[in-house]
Amino acid sequence: MGDIKEYIDTSLENFKNDIVGGIVDNIKDKMLDGVKWISLAVIESSYAICLTIAMVGLIFYCAGYKKGAKAVTLSIIIFVVLQAIKVVIQ
């Protein structure tokens, strides 16, 4: 009798672990897919955003505001970094 009880207990424990493990893996996969989708959407729109910031910074720099040059440089660097991240994500 003891062997049957142990067998049933281990079988039920394995069954429970398989179900919970499957649910956790599925939730993890869906969350990662969602983060990937949002990240790619932001990266895809980064061209227009970085270009706009660079153009505004260039206008400010031409108008005499020296910190406008930093906006141009940073927006280009951020765009390049985002495109590198895009290659890694895809």
Protein backbone atom coordinates (compact mmCIF):
# COMPACT_ATOMS: atom_id res chain seq x y z
CA MET A 1 0.00 0.00 0.00
CA GLY A 2 2.81 2.42 0.81
CA ASP A 3 4.30 2.08 -2.68
CA ILE A 4 1.00 2.88 -4.39
CA LYS A 5 0.48 5.95 -2.20
CA GLU A 6 4.00 7.21 -2.96
CA TYR A 7 3.50 6.56 -6.67
CA ILE A 8 0.21 8.51 -6.69
CA ASP A 9 1.74 11.34 -4.66
CA THR A 10 4.76 11.68 -6.97
CA SER A 11 2.55 11.39 -10.06
CA LEU A 12 0.24 14.16 -8.82
CA GLU A 13 3.22 16.32 -7.83
CA ASN A 14 4.79 15.88 -11.28
CA PHE A 15 1.45 16.63 -12.94
CA LYS A 16 1.06 19.81 -10.86
CA ASN A 17 4.62 20.92 -11.64
CA ASP A 18 4.10 20.34 -15.36
CA ILE A 19 0.90 22.41 -15.40
CA VAL A 20 2.33 25.27 -13.33
CA GLY A 21 5.56 25.23 -15.32
CA GLY A 22 3.65 25.38 -18.59
CA ILE A 23 1.51 28.29 -17.43
CA VAL A 24 4.53 30.22 -16.14
CA ASP A 25 6.45 29.63 -19.37
CA ASN A 26 3.47 30.76 -21.45
CA ILE A 27 3.02 33.94 -19.39
CA LYS A 28 6.74 34.68 -19.64
CA ASP A 29 6.72 34.21 -23.41
CA LYS A 30 3.67 36.48 -23.86
CA MET A 31 5.22 39.20 -21.68
CA LEU A 32 8.50 39.06 -23.61
CA ASP A 33 6.60 39.25 -26.90
CA GLY A 34 4.73 42.32 -25.62
CA VAL A 35 7.92 44.06 -24.52
CA LYS A 36 9.52 43.23 -27.86
CA TRP A 37 6.52 44.63 -29.75
CA ILE A 38 6.53 47.88 -27.75
CA SER A 39 10.30 48.23 -28.11
CA LEU A 40 10.16 47.76 -31.86
CA ALA A 41 7.33 50.31 -32.14
CA VAL A 42 9.36 52.90 -30.23
CA ILE A 43 12.49 52.16 -32.25
CA GLU A 44 10.59 52.39 -35.55
CA SER A 45 9.37 55.88 -34.63
CA SER A 46 12.80 56.96 -33.37
CA TYR A 47 13.84 58.22 -36.81
CA ALA A 48 11.23 60.98 -36.88
CA ILE A 49 11.78 61.87 -33.23
CA CYS A 50 15.58 62.03 -33.45
CA LEU A 51 15.46 63.89 -36.76
CA THR A 52 13.09 66.48 -35.30
CA ILE A 53 15.26 66.97 -32.22
CA ALA A 54 18.37 67.28 -34.38
CA MET A 55 16.75 69.85 -36.66
CA VAL A 56 15.48 71.94 -33.74
CA GLY A 57 18.91 71.73 -32.10
CA LEU A 58 20.54 72.82 -35.36
CA ILE A 59 18.17 75.79 -35.63
CA PHE A 60 18.98 76.79 -32.04
CA TYR A 61 22.71 76.41 -32.73
CA CYS A 62 22.45 78.57 -35.84
CA ALA A 63 20.52 81.13 -33.81
CA GLY A 64 23.40 81.41 -31.36
CA TYR A 65 22.37 78.97 -28.62
CA LYS A 66 25.55 76.84 -28.27
CA LYS A 67 23.86 73.97 -26.43
CA GLY A 68 21.83 73.25 -29.56
CA ALA A 69 24.85 71.41 -30.95
CA LYS A 70 24.63 68.94 -28.06
CA ALA A 71 21.04 68.13 -28.99
CA VAL A 72 22.12 67.34 -32.53
CA THR A 73 24.97 65.10 -31.40
CA LEU A 74 22.95 63.30 -28.75
CA SER A 75 20.00 62.66 -31.02
CA ILE A 76 22.27 61.09 -33.64
CA ILE A 77 24.01 58.93 -31.02
CA ILE A 78 20.69 57.85 -29.51
CA PHE A 79 19.35 56.97 -32.96
CA VAL A 80 22.41 54.82 -33.74
CA VAL A 81 22.15 53.04 -30.37
CA LEU A 82 18.42 52.37 -30.89
CA GLN A 83 19.08 50.95 -34.35
CA ALA A 84 21.76 48.66 -32.89
CA ILE A 85 19.25 47.48 -30.27
CA LYS A 86 16.74 46.87 -33.05
CA VAL A 87 19.17 44.54 -34.82
CA VAL A 88 19.72 42.60 -31.60
CA ILE A 89 15.99 42.34 -30.80
CA GLN A 90 14.95 41.11 -34.23
